[in-house]
N, C-alpha and C. Protein backbone atom coordinates (compact mmCIF):
# COMPACT_ATOMS: atom_id res chain seq x y z
N MET A 1 0.83 -1.18 0.00
CA MET A 1 0.00 0.00 0.00
C MET A 1 0.88 1.25 0.00
N SER A 2 0.53 2.21 -0.82
CA SER A 2 1.27 3.47 -0.82
C SER A 2 0.86 4.28 0.40
N ASN A 3 1.60 5.36 0.66
CA ASN A 3 1.27 6.22 1.81
C ASN A 3 -0.14 6.76 1.69
N LYS A 4 -0.56 7.11 0.47
CA LYS A 4 -1.91 7.64 0.25
C LYS A 4 -2.96 6.58 0.59
N ASP A 5 -2.69 5.32 0.20
CA ASP A 5 -3.62 4.24 0.49
C ASP A 5 -3.69 3.92 1.98
N ASN A 6 -2.64 4.21 2.69
CA ASN A 6 -2.56 3.90 4.12
C ASN A 6 -3.00 5.08 4.98
N GLU A 7 -3.39 6.17 4.36
CA GLU A 7 -3.78 7.39 5.07
C GLU A 7 -5.11 7.19 5.80
N MET A 8 -5.14 7.63 7.05
CA MET A 8 -6.35 7.48 7.87
C MET A 8 -7.34 8.59 7.56
N ASP A 9 -8.60 8.27 7.69
CA ASP A 9 -9.69 9.22 7.51
C ASP A 9 -9.62 10.27 8.63
N LYS A 10 -9.95 11.49 8.29
CA LYS A 10 -9.88 12.60 9.26
C LYS A 10 -10.90 12.47 10.38
N ARG A 11 -11.90 11.62 10.22
CA ARG A 11 -12.93 11.46 11.25
C ARG A 11 -12.50 10.53 12.38
N CYS A 12 -11.31 9.98 12.30
CA CYS A 12 -10.82 9.06 13.34
C CYS A 12 -10.74 9.78 14.68
N PRO A 13 -11.42 9.27 15.72
CA PRO A 13 -11.38 9.92 17.04
C PRO A 13 -9.98 9.95 17.66
N ARG A 14 -9.12 9.00 17.26
CA ARG A 14 -7.76 8.97 17.79
C ARG A 14 -6.82 9.88 16.99
N MET A 15 -7.34 10.44 15.92
CA MET A 15 -6.57 11.33 15.04
C MET A 15 -5.29 10.66 14.53
N LEU A 16 -5.42 9.37 14.17
CA LEU A 16 -4.29 8.65 13.61
C LEU A 16 -3.95 9.21 12.23
N LYS A 17 -2.70 9.17 11.88
CA LYS A 17 -2.26 9.61 10.55
C LYS A 17 -2.39 8.47 9.54
N GLU A 18 -2.21 7.22 10.03
CA GLU A 18 -2.27 6.05 9.16
C GLU A 18 -3.27 5.03 9.72
N LEU A 19 -3.70 4.13 8.87
CA LEU A 19 -4.61 3.06 9.30
C LEU A 19 -3.97 2.25 10.41
N PRO A 20 -4.75 1.78 11.38
CA PRO A 20 -4.17 1.06 12.52
C PRO A 20 -3.55 -0.28 12.12
N CYS A 21 -2.40 -0.57 12.72
CA CYS A 21 -1.71 -1.85 12.48
C CYS A 21 -2.11 -2.87 13.54
N ASP A 22 -2.69 -2.40 14.64
CA ASP A 22 -3.14 -3.25 15.74
C ASP A 22 -4.60 -2.94 16.02
N TYR A 23 -5.20 -3.76 16.88
CA TYR A 23 -6.59 -3.50 17.25
C TYR A 23 -6.72 -2.10 17.82
N CYS A 24 -7.77 -1.42 17.40
CA CYS A 24 -8.03 -0.07 17.90
C CYS A 24 -8.68 -0.18 19.28
N PRO A 25 -8.05 0.38 20.32
CA PRO A 25 -8.63 0.25 21.67
C PRO A 25 -9.99 0.93 21.80
N LEU A 26 -10.21 2.03 21.08
CA LEU A 26 -11.51 2.69 21.14
C LEU A 26 -12.59 1.85 20.46
N ALA A 27 -12.23 1.19 19.38
CA ALA A 27 -13.18 0.32 18.70
C ALA A 27 -13.53 -0.88 19.57
N VAL A 28 -12.53 -1.46 20.21
CA VAL A 28 -12.76 -2.60 21.10
C VAL A 28 -13.67 -2.18 22.25
N LEU A 29 -13.44 -0.99 22.80
CA LEU A 29 -14.27 -0.47 23.89
C LEU A 29 -15.72 -0.35 23.44
N ARG A 30 -15.95 0.19 22.25
CA ARG A 30 -17.32 0.35 21.73
C ARG A 30 -17.98 -1.01 21.50
N LEU A 31 -17.24 -1.94 20.90
CA LEU A 31 -17.81 -3.27 20.63
C LEU A 31 -18.17 -4.01 21.92
N LYS A 32 -17.33 -3.86 22.94
CA LYS A 32 -17.65 -4.48 24.23
C LYS A 32 -18.90 -3.86 24.84
N ALA A 33 -19.02 -2.54 24.74
CA ALA A 33 -20.21 -1.86 25.27
C ALA A 33 -21.47 -2.33 24.53
N LEU A 34 -21.37 -2.49 23.21
CA LEU A 34 -22.51 -2.97 22.44
C LEU A 34 -22.86 -4.40 22.81
N ARG A 35 -21.86 -5.23 22.95
CA ARG A 35 -22.06 -6.65 23.26
C ARG A 35 -22.67 -6.84 24.65
N ASN A 36 -22.35 -5.96 25.57
CA ASN A 36 -22.84 -6.10 26.95
C ASN A 36 -24.26 -5.61 27.15
N ASN A 37 -24.88 -5.08 26.12
CA ASN A 37 -26.28 -4.66 26.21
C ASN A 37 -27.18 -5.84 25.90
N SER A 38 -28.25 -5.95 26.64
CA SER A 38 -29.15 -7.09 26.46
C SER A 38 -30.17 -6.86 25.35
N LYS A 39 -30.21 -5.66 24.79
CA LYS A 39 -31.17 -5.35 23.72
C LYS A 39 -30.50 -4.53 22.64
N GLU A 40 -31.14 -4.48 21.47
CA GLU A 40 -30.65 -3.59 20.42
C GLU A 40 -30.93 -2.17 20.86
N LEU A 41 -29.91 -1.33 20.78
CA LEU A 41 -30.04 0.05 21.23
C LEU A 41 -30.58 0.95 20.13
N SER A 42 -31.25 2.01 20.54
CA SER A 42 -31.66 3.02 19.57
C SER A 42 -30.41 3.81 19.18
N GLU A 43 -30.51 4.58 18.13
CA GLU A 43 -29.36 5.38 17.70
C GLU A 43 -28.94 6.35 18.81
N LYS A 44 -29.92 6.93 19.47
CA LYS A 44 -29.63 7.87 20.56
C LYS A 44 -28.89 7.17 21.70
N GLU A 45 -29.33 5.97 22.07
CA GLU A 45 -28.67 5.21 23.14
C GLU A 45 -27.26 4.80 22.73
N GLU A 46 -27.13 4.38 21.48
CA GLU A 46 -25.81 3.94 21.00
C GLU A 46 -24.82 5.11 20.96
N ASN A 47 -25.30 6.29 20.63
CA ASN A 47 -24.42 7.46 20.57
C ASN A 47 -23.82 7.81 21.93
N LYS A 48 -24.44 7.36 23.00
CA LYS A 48 -23.96 7.65 24.35
C LYS A 48 -22.88 6.66 24.81
N LEU A 49 -22.69 5.58 24.05
CA LEU A 49 -21.71 4.56 24.45
C LEU A 49 -20.28 5.08 24.30
N PRO A 50 -19.37 4.56 25.13
CA PRO A 50 -17.97 4.95 25.00
C PRO A 50 -17.32 4.30 23.78
N GLY A 51 -16.19 4.85 23.36
CA GLY A 51 -15.42 4.25 22.28
C GLY A 51 -15.68 4.90 20.94
N CYS A 52 -15.13 4.28 19.91
CA CYS A 52 -15.19 4.83 18.55
C CYS A 52 -16.53 4.52 17.88
N PRO A 53 -17.22 5.54 17.38
CA PRO A 53 -18.50 5.30 16.70
C PRO A 53 -18.32 4.61 15.34
N TRP A 54 -17.08 4.51 14.85
CA TRP A 54 -16.80 3.88 13.56
C TRP A 54 -16.39 2.41 13.73
N ALA A 55 -16.45 1.89 14.93
CA ALA A 55 -16.04 0.51 15.20
C ALA A 55 -16.92 -0.48 14.45
N ILE A 56 -16.29 -1.52 13.91
CA ILE A 56 -17.03 -2.60 13.27
C ILE A 56 -16.47 -3.93 13.75
N ASN A 57 -17.30 -4.93 13.75
CA ASN A 57 -16.91 -6.24 14.24
C ASN A 57 -16.21 -7.03 13.13
N HIS A 58 -15.01 -6.59 12.78
CA HIS A 58 -14.23 -7.25 11.73
C HIS A 58 -12.76 -7.26 12.18
N GLN A 59 -12.37 -8.41 12.69
CA GLN A 59 -11.06 -8.56 13.31
C GLN A 59 -9.91 -8.24 12.35
N MET A 60 -9.99 -8.69 11.10
CA MET A 60 -8.90 -8.50 10.13
C MET A 60 -8.64 -7.02 9.80
N SER A 61 -9.61 -6.17 10.06
CA SER A 61 -9.42 -4.73 9.82
C SER A 61 -9.17 -4.00 11.14
N ASN A 62 -8.81 -4.75 12.17
CA ASN A 62 -8.52 -4.20 13.50
C ASN A 62 -9.71 -3.44 14.08
N TYR A 63 -10.90 -3.87 13.68
CA TYR A 63 -12.17 -3.30 14.16
C TYR A 63 -12.37 -1.86 13.70
N CYS A 64 -11.62 -1.43 12.69
CA CYS A 64 -11.67 -0.06 12.18
C CYS A 64 -12.42 -0.02 10.85
N PHE A 65 -13.52 0.73 10.81
CA PHE A 65 -14.30 0.85 9.57
C PHE A 65 -13.46 1.41 8.43
N PHE A 66 -12.63 2.39 8.71
CA PHE A 66 -11.86 3.03 7.66
C PHE A 66 -10.85 2.06 7.03
N LYS A 67 -10.23 1.24 7.86
CA LYS A 67 -9.32 0.22 7.34
C LYS A 67 -10.11 -0.82 6.54
N TYR A 68 -11.25 -1.22 7.07
CA TYR A 68 -12.11 -2.19 6.38
C TYR A 68 -12.51 -1.67 5.00
N SER A 69 -12.95 -0.43 4.94
CA SER A 69 -13.43 0.10 3.67
C SER A 69 -12.31 0.19 2.63
N LYS A 70 -11.10 0.50 3.05
CA LYS A 70 -9.99 0.58 2.09
C LYS A 70 -9.49 -0.78 1.65
N GLU A 71 -9.54 -1.77 2.53
CA GLU A 71 -8.95 -3.06 2.22
C GLU A 71 -9.94 -4.13 1.77
N TYR A 72 -11.22 -3.99 2.10
CA TYR A 72 -12.16 -5.08 1.85
C TYR A 72 -13.40 -4.71 1.05
N LEU A 73 -13.63 -3.45 0.76
CA LEU A 73 -14.88 -3.08 0.11
C LEU A 73 -14.78 -2.97 -1.41
N ASN A 74 -14.24 -4.00 -2.05
CA ASN A 74 -14.24 -4.04 -3.51
C ASN A 74 -15.64 -4.37 -4.01
N VAL A 75 -16.38 -5.09 -3.19
CA VAL A 75 -17.78 -5.40 -3.49
C VAL A 75 -18.58 -5.06 -2.23
N PRO A 76 -19.81 -4.62 -2.39
CA PRO A 76 -20.61 -4.26 -1.21
C PRO A 76 -20.83 -5.47 -0.30
N PRO A 77 -20.79 -5.26 1.01
CA PRO A 77 -21.05 -6.37 1.94
C PRO A 77 -22.53 -6.74 1.92
N SER A 78 -22.82 -7.99 2.25
CA SER A 78 -24.21 -8.46 2.31
C SER A 78 -24.88 -7.89 3.56
N ASP A 79 -26.21 -7.99 3.59
CA ASP A 79 -26.96 -7.54 4.77
C ASP A 79 -26.49 -8.30 6.02
N LYS A 80 -26.22 -9.58 5.84
CA LYS A 80 -25.77 -10.41 6.97
C LYS A 80 -24.41 -9.91 7.49
N GLU A 81 -23.48 -9.57 6.58
CA GLU A 81 -22.18 -9.05 6.99
C GLU A 81 -22.33 -7.71 7.71
N ILE A 82 -23.17 -6.83 7.17
CA ILE A 82 -23.40 -5.53 7.80
C ILE A 82 -23.96 -5.71 9.20
N ALA A 83 -24.92 -6.60 9.34
CA ALA A 83 -25.53 -6.86 10.65
C ALA A 83 -24.47 -7.36 11.64
N HIS A 84 -23.65 -8.30 11.20
CA HIS A 84 -22.61 -8.86 12.08
C HIS A 84 -21.60 -7.79 12.49
N MET A 85 -21.15 -6.98 11.53
CA MET A 85 -20.13 -5.96 11.83
C MET A 85 -20.64 -4.89 12.78
N ASN A 86 -21.94 -4.67 12.79
CA ASN A 86 -22.50 -3.59 13.61
C ASN A 86 -23.30 -4.09 14.81
N ASN A 87 -23.26 -5.40 15.04
CA ASN A 87 -23.96 -5.99 16.18
C ASN A 87 -25.45 -5.67 16.20
N VAL A 88 -26.08 -5.78 15.03
CA VAL A 88 -27.53 -5.58 14.94
C VAL A 88 -28.12 -6.76 14.17
N SER A 89 -29.42 -6.84 14.13
CA SER A 89 -30.07 -7.93 13.40
C SER A 89 -30.15 -7.61 11.91
N VAL A 90 -30.32 -8.63 11.10
CA VAL A 90 -30.48 -8.45 9.66
C VAL A 90 -31.76 -7.65 9.40
N ASP A 91 -32.80 -7.89 10.21
CA ASP A 91 -34.05 -7.12 10.06
C ASP A 91 -33.80 -5.63 10.27
N THR A 92 -32.94 -5.29 11.22
CA THR A 92 -32.62 -3.88 11.45
C THR A 92 -31.91 -3.29 10.24
N VAL A 93 -30.98 -4.02 9.66
CA VAL A 93 -30.27 -3.56 8.46
C VAL A 93 -31.26 -3.29 7.34
N LYS A 94 -32.18 -4.23 7.11
CA LYS A 94 -33.16 -4.08 6.04
C LYS A 94 -34.09 -2.90 6.32
N SER A 95 -34.49 -2.73 7.55
CA SER A 95 -35.37 -1.63 7.92
C SER A 95 -34.68 -0.28 7.71
N VAL A 96 -33.42 -0.17 8.13
CA VAL A 96 -32.68 1.08 7.96
C VAL A 96 -32.48 1.38 6.47
N GLU A 97 -32.18 0.34 5.70
CA GLU A 97 -32.00 0.52 4.25
C GLU A 97 -33.29 1.03 3.61
N LYS A 98 -34.41 0.43 3.98
CA LYS A 98 -35.71 0.84 3.42
C LYS A 98 -36.01 2.29 3.79
N GLU A 99 -35.75 2.65 5.04
CA GLU A 99 -35.99 4.02 5.50
C GLU A 99 -35.08 5.00 4.76
N ALA A 100 -33.81 4.63 4.57
CA ALA A 100 -32.86 5.51 3.87
C ALA A 100 -33.28 5.71 2.42
N LEU A 101 -33.68 4.64 1.75
CA LEU A 101 -34.12 4.76 0.36
C LEU A 101 -35.35 5.65 0.25
N GLY A 102 -36.26 5.53 1.22
CA GLY A 102 -37.44 6.39 1.23
C GLY A 102 -37.06 7.86 1.37
N LYS A 103 -36.09 8.14 2.22
CA LYS A 103 -35.63 9.53 2.40
C LYS A 103 -34.94 10.05 1.15
N ILE A 104 -34.15 9.20 0.50
CA ILE A 104 -33.45 9.61 -0.72
C ILE A 104 -34.46 9.97 -1.80
N LYS A 105 -35.52 9.20 -1.91
CA LYS A 105 -36.53 9.46 -2.94
C LYS A 105 -37.23 10.79 -2.73
N GLU A 106 -37.19 11.32 -1.52
CA GLU A 106 -37.86 12.59 -1.21
C GLU A 106 -37.00 13.81 -1.53
N PHE A 107 -35.71 13.63 -1.82
CA PHE A 107 -34.85 14.76 -2.18
C PHE A 107 -35.35 15.39 -3.48
N LYS A 108 -35.35 16.71 -3.52
CA LYS A 108 -35.82 17.42 -4.70
C LYS A 108 -35.04 17.00 -5.95
N LEU A 109 -33.75 16.88 -5.84
CA LEU A 109 -32.92 16.50 -6.98
C LEU A 109 -33.33 15.13 -7.53
N VAL A 110 -33.58 14.18 -6.64
CA VAL A 110 -33.97 12.84 -7.07
C VAL A 110 -35.36 12.88 -7.71
N LYS A 111 -36.26 13.66 -7.13
CA LYS A 111 -37.60 13.80 -7.71
C LYS A 111 -37.51 14.43 -9.10
N ASP A 112 -36.68 15.47 -9.23
CA ASP A 112 -36.51 16.12 -10.53
C ASP A 112 -35.94 15.15 -11.57
N MET A 113 -34.96 14.36 -11.17
CA MET A 113 -34.36 13.39 -12.09
C MET A 113 -35.40 12.34 -12.49
N SER A 114 -36.21 11.92 -11.53
CA SER A 114 -37.24 10.92 -11.80
C SER A 114 -38.27 11.48 -12.80
N ASN A 115 -38.65 12.75 -12.62
CA ASN A 115 -39.62 13.37 -13.51
C ASN A 115 -39.07 13.51 -14.93
N GLU A 116 -37.75 13.72 -15.05
CA GLU A 116 -37.13 13.85 -16.38
C GLU A 116 -37.15 12.55 -17.15
N THR A 117 -37.10 11.42 -16.45
CA THR A 117 -37.05 10.13 -17.12
C THR A 117 -38.45 9.61 -17.44
N ASP A 118 -39.48 10.21 -16.87
CA ASP A 118 -40.87 9.75 -17.12
C ASP A 118 -41.36 10.16 -18.49
């Protein structure tokens, strides 16, 4: 990987310059907090948890979403993979996707583009 390929995203809470070579302690902290809850948390509840909000349950990427996206996202992950990485159910992934698509369809630009193709 070149230096550019190894460059960390600016949103990293640890403000790393490069992708992590070891497990990210903030990501591990977040994943433990998620795992120790007996129920699926709301977005508001999850935002209050300690650790990195970008943590994903993917050991080979050191639990870092940014490393995962650079090294493993040549093809989109399945709903099952997304659910596993984020400690949620597949039904939650499908529900969030449906809600997001509904919101996208409401954007004026998308509506305008849709009207042009009709």
